[in-house]
Amino acid sequence: MRLFISIILFLFFIACSSEEPKVNNQVLPPARLKAIVQQSKKNNAQHELNRGLVQNPIFIHRKKQKRNSQKPEIVLIITHNTQLDSIRLNKIEMLRASGIHADLSEPVNRGLLLDRNADTLLQSAISLGQDRVLQIALDNDIFDYTDQFFTNGIRFTYAAPSLSDNPVKYILLPYWSRATNSYGLSLVQNLYTPSTTKKDGILYGDRPYSSYLFIGSFKITNDERHHYRQTSELDLGIIGPPSMGSAVQDLFHKYVPSNNEPLGWEYQVKTDAVVNYNFSLEKGVINTDHLQLILGGTGALGTLYTNIGGGFKLRLGWFNDYFSDLGIRKKSVLKSRGLKVNQYFFSIKSEARLIAYDATLEGGMINVSSPYTIAPSAVSRMITQTSVGLTLTFGGIGLELEQFVLSPEFSNKWWHAWGHIGLLFAL
C-alpha cells in the first residue's frame, strides 16, 4: 500500500514539474526563471519585443512568508507598452545615426515616433537647431539728436540648443512640417520719456515717463523649403520704478557731455506686472540670390502690449536665405554647407499696427494709481513703423545698423525717430 501511494505521489510530482510556466504575475523559482530567460535569448527575444508578442519584463524581489524558506522570491511582471517604446527607441536611434536632432516637444514629431514607416519620420521630423547665437542691441534716439519718447532700449538675446529644455516651449507655437527649431532667452529694458527731460513736474499732454524690464523665452521655427518662419515668445517682467529706468538714464546722462540730469522720473508709470505673449509669421514671396521680399504678420497679447499688425521686409544685396538660419553662423559651418561666409545687404521694413493697449502710455493694467497717463481716447489706435538698415557679417561676427521712424502714438501728432546698433556673434 505504501509503495502504491509513493508511486502515485511520484507521478503527480513529475506531471506538475512538466507544466509550462505562466508569465503573467506568476511567482517563479530562480532556477526556473533563469531557464526561461536563457531560452528567450535563444529564440531571439528582441525580435519578439519589436513585434509586441512578448512584453517587457520587470523583476521585483520580495521575501517569502516564513514557512518553508527565507530565500527571496522573484516576481515576473509583464508590461504592455513595450511595442510602442521599442518603436520610439528605434526611431530615435535612426535619427541620431542620421545626424538629425529631433525636437520631441513638437506634436508632429511625437506622432511620427509611433509611425511604423521610418522613412516618413526621417523626411518629416522637425529638428532642433544646433547654432548658438548671441546678439547685443542698443536703440537710442541720441543718434537723431533727440531725447524723447522711446529714448533708449537695451536687448540681450541668446539662442542655443540647450535652451530647448525650458518648459515654456510647450506653450510656444507648434509647427507641422519639416523645419528647424531654435530656442532662446532675451533680456530687454526699454525707456520712455516726455518731449523734454529738462522740466520738472508732470507735463500734461506729453508722453509719461515709463520703463520696463523683462525676460523673454522664445522659439524660432525656420522652414527653408517653404520660405517660412514663425516666432513666438513669452515675456515675464515688470513695469515701473523696479525696472530701473531712472537709474539707467541718470547714469547715461552723467557720462554724456552737455546732457542734463533728467527731471520727472518720480511721476513715471507705477509698478505693475508684465506678462505678454508675442508672435510673428513671415513668408518669402520673392526669393532670389540677391533679393528677398518677405510678407509678415505680428501680434501681441498681455499686460504690456496688445496689438496686431502686418507689413513687409525687403532685403537687397549678398546674403544667405533669411529662412535658413538665425542670420549668422560659424565660418566652418557656413563653408561646410556651401553658404556665403560674408554677407552685406540693405533692408527696408515697414509695418502697420492696430493698438488695443499700450501700458507705457495708458499705465499698468492692474495698478491704476499712476500719477499721469494718456487717456485711452487720446491714444492712436493705428501706427506705422518704417526702418532702413545695413547688415554686415564676416564669418561668425555681424553688425546691424538701422534707422527707425514711428508715426505719432497719441494725439500730440509728433513723429519720432531713433537709431539701432546690433552686434551678432556665432558661438
Protein backbone atom coordinates (compact mmCIF):
# COMPACT_ATOMS: atom_id res chain seq x y z
CA MET A 1 0.00 0.00 0.00
CA ARG A 2 2.82 2.41 0.92
CA LEU A 3 4.57 1.55 -2.35
CA PHE A 4 1.39 2.32 -4.30
CA ILE A 5 0.95 5.70 -2.60
CA SER A 6 4.61 6.56 -3.23
CA ILE A 7 4.26 5.76 -6.96
CA ILE A 8 1.13 7.98 -7.20
CA LEU A 9 2.89 10.91 -5.48
CA PHE A 10 5.96 10.48 -7.68
CA LEU A 11 3.85 10.57 -10.90
CA PHE A 12 1.92 13.64 -9.64
CA PHE A 13 5.19 15.43 -8.92
CA ILE A 14 6.50 14.64 -12.42
CA ALA A 15 3.26 15.90 -14.02
CA CYS A 16 3.37 19.18 -12.08
CA SER A 17 7.01 19.71 -12.96
CA SER A 18 6.32 19.30 -16.70
CA GLU A 19 3.67 22.08 -16.88
CA GLU A 20 4.58 25.22 -18.82
CA PRO A 21 5.03 28.31 -16.59
CA LYS A 22 2.66 31.21 -16.89
CA VAL A 23 4.18 34.64 -17.43
CA ASN A 24 1.56 36.99 -16.12
CA ASN A 25 2.16 37.85 -12.46
CA GLN A 26 3.24 34.29 -11.53
CA VAL A 27 5.89 33.64 -8.88
CA LEU A 28 8.69 31.51 -10.32
CA PRO A 29 11.67 29.82 -8.63
CA PRO A 30 15.02 31.40 -9.52
CA ALA A 31 16.29 28.29 -11.33
CA ARG A 32 13.18 28.08 -13.48
CA LEU A 33 13.29 31.81 -14.24
CA LYS A 34 16.92 31.54 -15.35
CA ALA A 35 15.98 28.76 -17.73
CA ILE A 36 13.18 30.87 -19.20
CA VAL A 37 15.49 33.82 -19.79
CA GLN A 38 18.12 31.66 -21.46
CA GLN A 39 15.51 30.06 -23.70
CA SER A 40 14.16 33.51 -24.57
CA LYS A 41 17.59 34.64 -25.71
CA LYS A 42 17.90 31.59 -27.92
CA ASN A 43 14.55 32.43 -29.53
CA ASN A 44 15.60 35.99 -30.44
CA ALA A 45 13.77 37.85 -27.69
CA GLN A 46 14.49 41.26 -29.21
CA HIS A 47 12.63 40.29 -32.37
CA GLU A 48 9.67 39.26 -30.28
CA LEU A 49 9.74 42.52 -28.34
CA ASN A 50 9.67 44.57 -31.54
CA ARG A 51 6.67 42.62 -32.76
CA GLY A 52 4.93 43.12 -29.42
CA LEU A 53 4.49 39.38 -28.87
CA VAL A 54 6.38 39.36 -25.59
CA GLN A 55 6.09 42.29 -23.22
CA ASN A 56 8.86 43.99 -21.30
CA PRO A 57 9.72 42.03 -18.11
CA ILE A 58 10.25 43.78 -14.79
CA PHE A 59 11.86 41.77 -12.00
CA ILE A 60 10.88 42.55 -8.41
CA HIS A 61 12.44 40.80 -5.41
CA ARG A 62 10.37 40.11 -2.33
CA LYS A 63 10.66 37.80 0.65
CA LYS A 64 8.51 34.74 1.19
CA GLN A 65 6.42 34.24 4.27
CA LYS A 66 8.18 32.31 6.99
CA ARG A 67 7.06 28.82 6.20
CA ASN A 68 9.49 26.69 4.25
CA SER A 69 12.34 29.04 3.35
CA GLN A 70 13.74 32.50 3.99
CA LYS A 71 15.11 32.82 0.42
CA PRO A 72 13.72 35.71 -1.66
CA GLU A 73 11.27 35.04 -4.45
CA ILE A 74 11.31 36.72 -7.86
CA VAL A 75 8.05 38.01 -9.28
CA LEU A 76 7.86 38.34 -13.05
CA ILE A 77 5.58 41.20 -14.10
CA ILE A 78 4.76 41.76 -17.76
CA THR A 79 4.02 45.29 -19.03
CA HIS A 80 2.03 46.20 -22.14
CA ASN A 81 3.79 49.24 -23.66
CA THR A 82 6.96 47.60 -24.94
CA GLN A 83 5.86 47.59 -28.57
CA LEU A 84 5.36 51.37 -28.62
CA ASP A 85 8.51 52.02 -26.58
CA SER A 86 10.52 49.83 -28.91
CA ILE A 87 9.28 51.72 -31.98
CA ARG A 88 10.16 55.06 -30.35
CA LEU A 89 13.63 53.92 -29.36
CA ASN A 90 14.36 52.50 -32.79
CA LYS A 91 13.24 55.75 -34.47
CA ILE A 92 15.31 57.92 -32.13
CA GLU A 93 18.38 55.76 -32.77
CA MET A 94 17.82 56.06 -36.54
CA LEU A 95 17.53 59.85 -36.27
CA ARG A 96 20.71 60.15 -34.24
CA ALA A 97 22.56 57.88 -36.65
CA SER A 98 21.44 60.18 -39.48
CA GLY A 99 22.67 63.29 -37.64
CA ILE A 100 19.13 64.58 -37.04
CA HIS A 101 18.30 66.05 -33.61
CA ALA A 102 14.54 65.72 -33.39
CA ASP A 103 12.64 68.26 -31.29
CA LEU A 104 10.44 65.93 -29.26
CA SER A 105 8.36 68.83 -27.90
CA GLU A 106 6.68 69.13 -31.32
CA PRO A 107 3.35 67.24 -31.54
CA VAL A 108 4.09 66.14 -35.11
CA ASN A 109 7.36 64.53 -34.01
CA ARG A 110 5.74 62.70 -31.11
CA GLY A 111 3.18 61.28 -33.52
CA LEU A 112 5.80 60.28 -36.07
CA LEU A 113 7.73 58.38 -33.42
CA LEU A 114 4.85 55.88 -33.44
CA ASP A 115 4.70 55.71 -37.22
CA ARG A 116 5.93 52.30 -38.40
CA ASN A 117 7.26 53.88 -41.60
CA ALA A 118 10.75 55.04 -40.57
CA ASP A 119 11.30 56.90 -43.84
CA THR A 120 8.35 59.15 -43.10
CA LEU A 121 9.93 60.14 -39.81
CA LEU A 122 13.32 60.84 -41.34
CA GLN A 123 11.79 63.06 -44.02
CA SER A 124 9.33 64.98 -41.85
CA ALA A 125 10.95 65.37 -38.45
CA ILE A 126 11.29 68.88 -37.05
CA SER A 127 14.91 69.14 -35.99
CA LEU A 128 16.50 71.08 -33.17
CA GLY A 129 18.90 73.75 -34.44
CA GLN A 130 22.48 73.39 -33.22
CA ASP A 131 23.58 77.02 -33.74
CA ARG A 132 24.45 79.20 -30.76
CA VAL A 133 23.98 82.91 -31.35
CA LEU A 134 24.45 85.94 -29.09
CA GLN A 135 23.03 89.34 -30.01
CA ILE A 136 23.62 92.61 -28.16
CA ALA A 137 21.46 95.51 -29.36
CA LEU A 138 21.23 99.18 -28.41
CA ASP A 139 18.44 101.52 -29.54
CA ASN A 140 18.69 105.23 -28.75
CA ASP A 141 17.40 108.49 -30.16
CA ILE A 142 20.71 110.21 -29.44
CA PHE A 143 21.64 109.05 -32.96
CA ASP A 144 18.95 111.50 -34.16
CA TYR A 145 19.96 114.29 -31.74
CA THR A 146 16.81 113.95 -29.62
CA ASP A 147 15.98 112.73 -26.13
CA GLN A 148 12.29 111.97 -26.03
CA PHE A 149 9.57 109.32 -26.30
CA PHE A 150 11.27 105.94 -26.93
CA THR A 151 14.66 107.18 -25.78
CA ASN A 152 16.67 104.04 -25.00
CA GLY A 153 16.46 100.27 -25.40
CA ILE A 154 18.89 97.50 -24.47
CA ARG A 155 18.40 93.90 -25.56
CA PHE A 156 20.49 90.79 -24.98
CA THR A 157 19.45 87.67 -26.89
CA TYR A 158 20.97 84.21 -26.68
CA ALA A 159 19.86 81.15 -28.68
CA ALA A 160 21.25 77.64 -28.10
CA PRO A 161 20.02 74.03 -28.32
CA SER A 162 20.41 73.60 -24.55
CA LEU A 163 17.62 76.15 -24.01
CA SER A 164 15.11 73.77 -25.60
CA ASP A 165 14.67 72.21 -22.14
CA ASN A 166 12.80 75.31 -20.97
CA PRO A 167 9.22 74.18 -20.05
CA VAL A 168 7.83 77.38 -21.64
CA LYS A 169 8.37 75.69 -25.03
CA TYR A 170 5.12 73.73 -24.62
CA ILE A 171 3.03 76.91 -24.94
CA LEU A 172 5.00 78.34 -27.87
CA LEU A 173 3.68 77.92 -31.41
CA PRO A 174 3.94 74.36 -32.78
CA TYR A 175 4.68 73.51 -36.40
CA TRP A 176 3.53 70.67 -38.65
CA SER A 177 6.12 70.22 -41.37
CA ARG A 178 9.85 69.63 -41.72
CA ALA A 179 11.70 72.59 -40.25
CA THR A 180 14.33 73.64 -37.73
CA ASN A 181 13.53 74.99 -34.27
CA SER A 182 15.78 77.38 -32.36
CA TYR A 183 15.17 78.27 -28.71
CA GLY A 184 16.49 81.21 -26.76
CA LEU A 185 16.20 83.76 -23.96
CA SER A 186 16.14 87.54 -24.13
CA LEU A 187 16.66 90.28 -21.54
CA VAL A 188 15.07 93.61 -22.51
CA GLN A 189 14.86 97.07 -20.93
CA ASN A 190 13.10 99.98 -22.68
CA LEU A 191 12.80 103.61 -21.52
CA TYR A 192 10.23 106.28 -22.48
CA THR A 193 10.21 109.99 -21.59
CA PRO A 194 8.29 113.18 -22.48
CA SER A 195 9.48 115.51 -25.22
CA THR A 196 11.91 117.11 -22.76
CA THR A 197 13.63 115.91 -19.58
CA LYS A 198 14.70 119.41 -18.51
CA LYS A 199 11.37 120.38 -16.93
CA ASP A 200 10.25 119.11 -13.56
CA GLY A 201 6.70 118.13 -12.72
CA ILE A 202 4.03 116.49 -14.86
CA LEU A 203 3.94 117.65 -18.48
CA TYR A 204 0.27 117.26 -19.33
CA GLY A 205 -0.46 116.45 -22.96
CA ASP A 206 3.02 114.91 -23.30
CA ARG A 207 4.21 111.33 -23.02
CA PRO A 208 4.50 109.96 -19.47
CA TYR A 209 7.78 108.65 -18.08
CA SER A 210 7.82 104.84 -18.15
CA SER A 211 10.22 101.92 -18.34
CA TYR A 212 10.00 98.14 -18.26
CA LEU A 213 12.31 95.17 -17.82
CA PHE A 214 11.52 91.58 -18.78
CA ILE A 215 12.97 88.18 -19.55
CA GLY A 216 11.60 86.50 -22.67
CA SER A 217 11.64 82.86 -23.70
CA PHE A 218 11.30 82.45 -27.46
CA LYS A 219 11.18 79.86 -30.22
CA ILE A 220 12.01 80.46 -33.89
CA THR A 221 10.91 77.91 -36.50
CA ASN A 222 12.57 78.12 -39.92
CA ASP A 223 11.12 76.16 -42.86
CA GLU A 224 13.64 76.76 -45.63
CA ARG A 225 11.79 74.66 -48.21
CA HIS A 226 8.64 76.78 -47.98
CA HIS A 227 10.43 80.07 -47.18
CA TYR A 228 8.53 80.42 -43.93
CA ARG A 229 9.42 81.49 -40.40
CA GLN A 230 7.33 81.73 -37.26
CA THR A 231 8.42 83.21 -33.95
CA SER A 232 6.69 83.08 -30.59
CA GLU A 233 7.77 84.43 -27.22
CA LEU A 234 6.55 84.66 -23.63
CA ASP A 235 7.75 87.72 -21.69
CA LEU A 236 7.70 87.99 -17.89
CA GLY A 237 8.86 91.09 -16.06
CA ILE A 238 7.88 94.40 -14.52
CA ILE A 239 6.98 97.95 -15.49
CA GLY A 240 7.63 100.90 -13.21
CA PRO A 241 10.39 102.01 -10.80
CA PRO A 242 11.77 98.46 -10.13
CA SER A 243 12.75 98.24 -13.82
CA MET A 244 15.48 100.82 -13.05
CA GLY A 245 14.75 103.10 -15.98
CA SER A 246 15.51 106.24 -13.98
CA ALA A 247 18.87 104.88 -12.77
CA VAL A 248 19.94 103.90 -16.29
CA GLN A 249 19.09 107.31 -17.79
CA ASP A 250 20.75 109.16 -14.90
CA LEU A 251 23.93 107.12 -15.43
CA PHE A 252 23.84 107.67 -19.19
CA HIS A 253 23.37 111.44 -18.86
CA LYS A 254 26.13 111.64 -16.27
CA TYR A 255 28.76 110.42 -18.71
CA VAL A 256 27.50 112.07 -21.91
CA PRO A 257 28.77 115.65 -22.39
CA SER A 258 26.23 118.53 -22.36
CA ASN A 259 23.43 116.27 -21.08
CA ASN A 260 21.34 117.48 -18.16
CA GLU A 261 20.10 115.43 -15.25
CA PRO A 262 16.66 114.14 -16.29
CA LEU A 263 13.78 115.54 -14.21
CA GLY A 264 10.37 114.00 -13.64
CA TRP A 265 11.00 110.26 -13.21
CA GLU A 266 9.11 110.39 -9.88
CA TYR A 267 5.93 110.75 -11.95
CA GLN A 268 6.52 107.65 -14.05
CA VAL A 269 4.02 104.83 -14.64
CA LYS A 270 3.74 102.89 -11.39
CA THR A 271 4.80 99.31 -10.72
CA ASP A 272 2.84 96.54 -12.44
CA ALA A 273 3.42 93.04 -13.79
CA VAL A 274 4.49 92.34 -17.36
CA VAL A 275 3.05 89.13 -18.83
CA ASN A 276 2.99 89.17 -22.62
CA TYR A 277 2.71 86.60 -25.42
CA ASN A 278 4.04 87.71 -28.81
CA PHE A 279 4.17 86.03 -32.22
CA SER A 280 5.15 86.76 -35.80
CA LEU A 281 4.61 84.85 -39.06
CA GLU A 282 6.80 85.54 -42.12
CA LYS A 283 6.56 84.21 -45.66
CA GLY A 284 9.01 84.82 -48.50
CA VAL A 285 7.18 85.67 -51.73
CA ILE A 286 10.27 86.59 -53.79
CA ASN A 287 13.38 84.56 -53.04
CA THR A 288 16.44 85.06 -55.24
CA ASP A 289 20.16 85.09 -54.53
CA HIS A 290 20.26 88.86 -54.18
CA LEU A 291 16.69 89.96 -53.43
CA GLN A 292 14.08 88.74 -50.99
CA LEU A 293 10.61 90.15 -50.36
CA ILE A 294 9.01 88.85 -47.18
CA LEU A 295 5.44 89.48 -46.02
CA GLY A 296 4.58 89.10 -42.37
CA GLY A 297 2.05 89.43 -39.60
CA THR A 298 2.58 90.11 -35.90
CA GLY A 299 0.54 90.03 -32.73
CA ALA A 300 0.88 90.67 -29.00
CA LEU A 301 -1.43 89.93 -26.09
CA GLY A 302 -0.80 90.81 -22.47
CA THR A 303 -0.40 93.40 -19.75
CA LEU A 304 2.30 95.36 -21.62
CA TYR A 305 1.11 95.43 -25.23
CA THR A 306 -1.96 94.14 -27.04
CA ASN A 307 -1.90 94.73 -30.79
CA ILE A 308 -1.95 93.13 -34.22
CA GLY A 309 -0.16 94.17 -37.37
CA GLY A 310 1.30 93.34 -40.74
CA GLY A 311 3.91 94.53 -43.18
CA PHE A 312 6.84 93.63 -45.40
CA LYS A 313 10.62 93.26 -45.35
CA LEU A 314 12.85 93.77 -48.40
CA ARG A 315 16.48 92.58 -48.49
CA LEU A 316 18.84 93.54 -51.29
CA GLY A 317 22.50 92.50 -51.55
CA TRP A 318 24.71 89.49 -50.89
CA PHE A 319 23.18 87.18 -48.30
CA ASN A 320 22.13 83.68 -47.32
CA ASP A 321 18.47 82.76 -47.32
CA TYR A 322 16.62 84.53 -44.49
CA PHE A 323 14.85 81.27 -43.64
CA SER A 324 17.98 79.10 -43.45
CA ASP A 325 19.29 80.16 -40.02
CA LEU A 326 19.29 82.91 -37.37
CA GLY A 327 21.27 85.33 -39.53
CA ILE A 328 24.77 84.26 -38.57
CA ARG A 329 26.76 81.04 -38.22
CA LYS A 330 30.28 79.91 -37.55
CA LYS A 331 32.60 80.23 -40.51
CA SER A 332 33.33 76.48 -40.51
CA VAL A 333 29.62 75.64 -40.64
CA LEU A 334 28.99 78.08 -43.49
CA LYS A 335 31.84 76.60 -45.52
CA SER A 336 30.77 73.00 -44.88
CA ARG A 337 27.25 73.77 -46.15
CA GLY A 338 28.35 75.78 -49.16
CA LEU A 339 26.84 79.04 -47.83
CA LYS A 340 28.17 82.59 -48.12
CA VAL A 341 30.80 83.22 -45.45
CA ASN A 342 30.45 87.02 -45.66
CA GLN A 343 27.17 88.88 -46.12
CA TYR A 344 26.35 92.51 -46.83
CA PHE A 345 22.88 93.76 -47.67
CA PHE A 346 20.42 96.62 -47.26
CA SER A 347 16.97 96.13 -45.79
CA ILE A 348 13.72 98.10 -45.77
CA LYS A 349 10.97 97.21 -43.31
CA SER A 350 7.53 98.70 -42.89
CA GLU A 351 4.65 97.67 -40.65
CA ALA A 352 1.24 98.97 -39.60
CA ARG A 353 -0.21 98.01 -36.22
CA LEU A 354 -3.66 98.27 -34.68
CA ILE A 355 -3.25 99.18 -30.99
CA ALA A 356 -5.63 97.84 -28.37
CA TYR A 357 -3.48 98.57 -25.31
CA ASP A 358 -0.09 100.13 -24.52
CA ALA A 359 0.93 100.18 -20.85
CA THR A 360 3.77 102.67 -21.49
CA LEU A 361 1.08 105.22 -22.41
CA GLU A 362 -2.02 104.10 -20.53
CA GLY A 363 -0.43 102.77 -17.34
CA GLY A 364 -0.48 99.31 -15.81
CA MET A 365 -3.46 97.03 -16.28
CA ILE A 366 -3.62 96.01 -12.60
CA ASN A 367 -2.13 99.01 -10.78
CA VAL A 368 -4.11 102.08 -11.88
CA SER A 369 -2.53 104.52 -9.40
CA SER A 370 -0.04 106.12 -11.83
CA PRO A 371 0.05 109.93 -11.33
CA TYR A 372 -0.19 110.63 -15.06
CA THR A 373 -1.08 108.59 -18.16
CA ILE A 374 -2.53 109.21 -21.61
CA ALA A 375 -6.31 108.88 -21.77
CA PRO A 376 -7.46 105.90 -23.89
CA SER A 377 -9.36 108.29 -26.19
CA ALA A 378 -6.11 110.16 -26.98
CA VAL A 379 -4.10 107.03 -27.91
CA SER A 380 -3.52 106.49 -31.63
CA ARG A 381 -5.15 103.18 -32.44
CA MET A 382 -3.19 102.70 -35.66
CA ILE A 383 0.51 103.45 -36.05
CA THR A 384 3.15 102.76 -38.68
CA GLN A 385 6.84 101.98 -38.22
CA THR A 386 9.43 102.02 -41.00
CA SER A 387 13.15 101.34 -40.98
CA VAL A 388 16.14 101.29 -43.32
CA GLY A 389 19.14 99.16 -42.37
CA LEU A 390 22.53 97.80 -43.34
CA THR A 391 23.83 94.40 -42.21
CA LEU A 392 27.41 93.16 -42.48
CA THR A 393 28.67 89.75 -41.38
CA PHE A 394 32.19 88.35 -41.55
CA GLY A 395 32.16 84.67 -40.69
CA GLY A 396 30.78 84.38 -37.17
CA ILE A 397 30.64 88.14 -36.39
CA GLY A 398 27.99 90.57 -37.59
CA LEU A 399 26.99 94.23 -37.37
CA GLU A 400 23.49 95.72 -37.82
CA LEU A 401 22.81 99.43 -38.35
CA GLU A 402 19.20 100.58 -38.66
CA GLN A 403 17.23 103.83 -38.62
CA PHE A 404 13.59 103.76 -37.39
CA VAL A 405 10.73 106.21 -37.87
CA LEU A 406 7.48 105.87 -35.89
CA SER A 407 4.20 107.68 -36.51
CA PRO A 408 2.51 109.57 -33.62
CA GLU A 409 1.45 107.30 -30.76
CA PHE A 410 -1.05 109.74 -29.24
CA SER A 411 -2.83 112.98 -30.01
CA ASN A 412 0.21 115.31 -29.92
CA LYS A 413 0.88 114.40 -33.61
CA TRP A 414 4.66 114.11 -33.06
CA TRP A 415 6.62 111.62 -35.13
CA HIS A 416 9.69 110.04 -33.59
CA ALA A 417 12.99 108.56 -34.86
CA TRP A 418 15.83 106.58 -33.31
CA GLY A 419 18.84 104.50 -34.34
CA HIS A 420 19.74 100.86 -33.73
CA ILE A 421 23.13 99.17 -33.42
CA GLY A 422 23.32 95.39 -33.10
CA LEU A 423 26.26 93.04 -32.67
CA LEU A 424 25.93 89.36 -33.65
CA PHE A 425 28.22 86.53 -32.56
CA ALA A 426 28.11 82.85 -33.60
CA LEU A 427 29.45 80.92 -30.61
